[in-house]
Amino acid sequence: MSTTRRKGQQTQTSPTPSSGNVAYIDFDSWAGAVKRQMLDALRKRGTR
């Protein structure tokens, strides 16, 4: 039982860092896109 638990923990710890990295990159790009969209919207509003 303890071996299974240990194995499960190891498997869970492995994908966490990689997926975390991907999430961070996605969040950064997403935040950048949102900022661009907001700036564009503000510019359009100002011009209009």
C-alpha atoms as a PDB file:
ATOM      1  CA  MET A   1       0.000   0.000   0.000  1.00  0.00           C
ATOM      2  CA  SER A   2       2.733   2.470   0.908  1.00  0.00           C
ATOM      3  CA  THR A   3       4.538   1.657  -2.360  1.00  0.00           C
ATOM      4  CA  THR A   4       1.411   2.479  -4.373  1.00  0.00           C
ATOM      5  CA  ARG A   5       0.972   5.734  -2.497  1.00  0.00           C
ATOM      6  CA  ARG A   6       4.594   6.654  -3.030  1.00  0.00           C
ATOM      7  CA  LYS A   7       4.326   5.830  -6.741  1.00  0.00           C
ATOM      8  CA  GLY A   8       1.166   7.901  -7.066  1.00  0.00           C
ATOM      9  CA  GLN A   9       2.833  10.869  -5.410  1.00  0.00           C
ATOM     10  CA  GLN A  10       5.833  10.610  -7.719  1.00  0.00           C
ATOM     11  CA  THR A  11       3.605  10.480 -10.787  1.00  0.00           C
ATOM     12  CA  GLN A  12       1.616  13.459  -9.555  1.00  0.00           C
ATOM     13  CA  THR A  13       4.732  15.510  -8.790  1.00  0.00           C
ATOM     14  CA  SER A  14       6.239  14.920 -12.253  1.00  0.00           C
ATOM     15  CA  PRO A  15       3.496  16.466 -14.434  1.00  0.00           C
ATOM     16  CA  THR A  16       2.805  19.320 -12.007  1.00  0.00           C
ATOM     17  CA  PRO A  17       5.937  21.395 -12.847  1.00  0.00           C
ATOM     18  CA  SER A  18       5.605  20.966 -16.624  1.00  0.00           C
ATOM     19  CA  SER A  19       1.890  21.810 -16.614  1.00  0.00           C
ATOM     20  CA  GLY A  20       2.607  24.725 -14.280  1.00  0.00           C
ATOM     21  CA  ASN A  21       5.175  26.068 -16.742  1.00  0.00           C
ATOM     22  CA  VAL A  22       2.729  25.752 -19.622  1.00  0.00           C
ATOM     23  CA  ALA A  23       0.019  27.455 -17.565  1.00  0.00           C
ATOM     24  CA  TYR A  24       2.358  30.348 -16.770  1.00  0.00           C
ATOM     25  CA  ILE A  25       3.283  30.794 -20.440  1.00  0.00           C
ATOM     26  CA  ASP A  26      -0.379  30.584 -21.470  1.00  0.00           C
ATOM     27  CA  PHE A  27      -1.352  33.090 -18.796  1.00  0.00           C
ATOM     28  CA  ASP A  28       1.376  35.512 -19.899  1.00  0.00           C
ATOM     29  CA  SER A  29       0.361  35.367 -23.564  1.00  0.00           C
ATOM     30  CA  TRP A  30      -3.325  35.551 -22.589  1.00  0.00           C
ATOM     31  CA  ALA A  31      -2.711  38.589 -20.372  1.00  0.00           C
ATOM     32  CA  GLY A  32      -0.803  40.248 -23.205  1.00  0.00           C
ATOM     33  CA  ALA A  33      -3.657  39.609 -25.643  1.00  0.00           C
ATOM     34  CA  VAL A  34      -6.209  40.968 -23.157  1.00  0.00           C
ATOM     35  CA  LYS A  35      -4.108  44.091 -22.588  1.00  0.00           C
ATOM     36  CA  ARG A  36      -3.847  44.638 -26.348  1.00  0.00           C
ATOM     37  CA  GLN A  37      -7.584  44.193 -26.777  1.00  0.00           C
ATOM     38  CA  MET A  38      -8.310  46.617 -23.925  1.00  0.00           C
ATOM     39  CA  LEU A  39      -5.918  49.202 -25.371  1.00  0.00           C
ATOM     40  CA  ASP A  40      -7.503  48.801 -28.810  1.00  0.00           C
ATOM     41  CA  ALA A  41     -10.979  49.192 -27.321  1.00  0.00           C
ATOM     42  CA  LEU A  42      -9.905  52.335 -25.463  1.00  0.00           C
ATOM     43  CA  ARG A  43      -8.359  53.755 -28.640  1.00  0.00           C
ATOM     44  CA  LYS A  44     -11.506  53.001 -30.643  1.00  0.00           C
ATOM     45  CA  ARG A  45     -13.642  54.605 -27.949  1.00  0.00           C
ATOM     46  CA  GLY A  46     -11.416  57.663 -27.875  1.00  0.00           C
ATOM     47  CA  THR A  47     -11.472  57.988 -31.667  1.00  0.00           C
ATOM     48  CA  ARG A  48     -15.210  57.444 -31.775  1.00  0.00           C
END
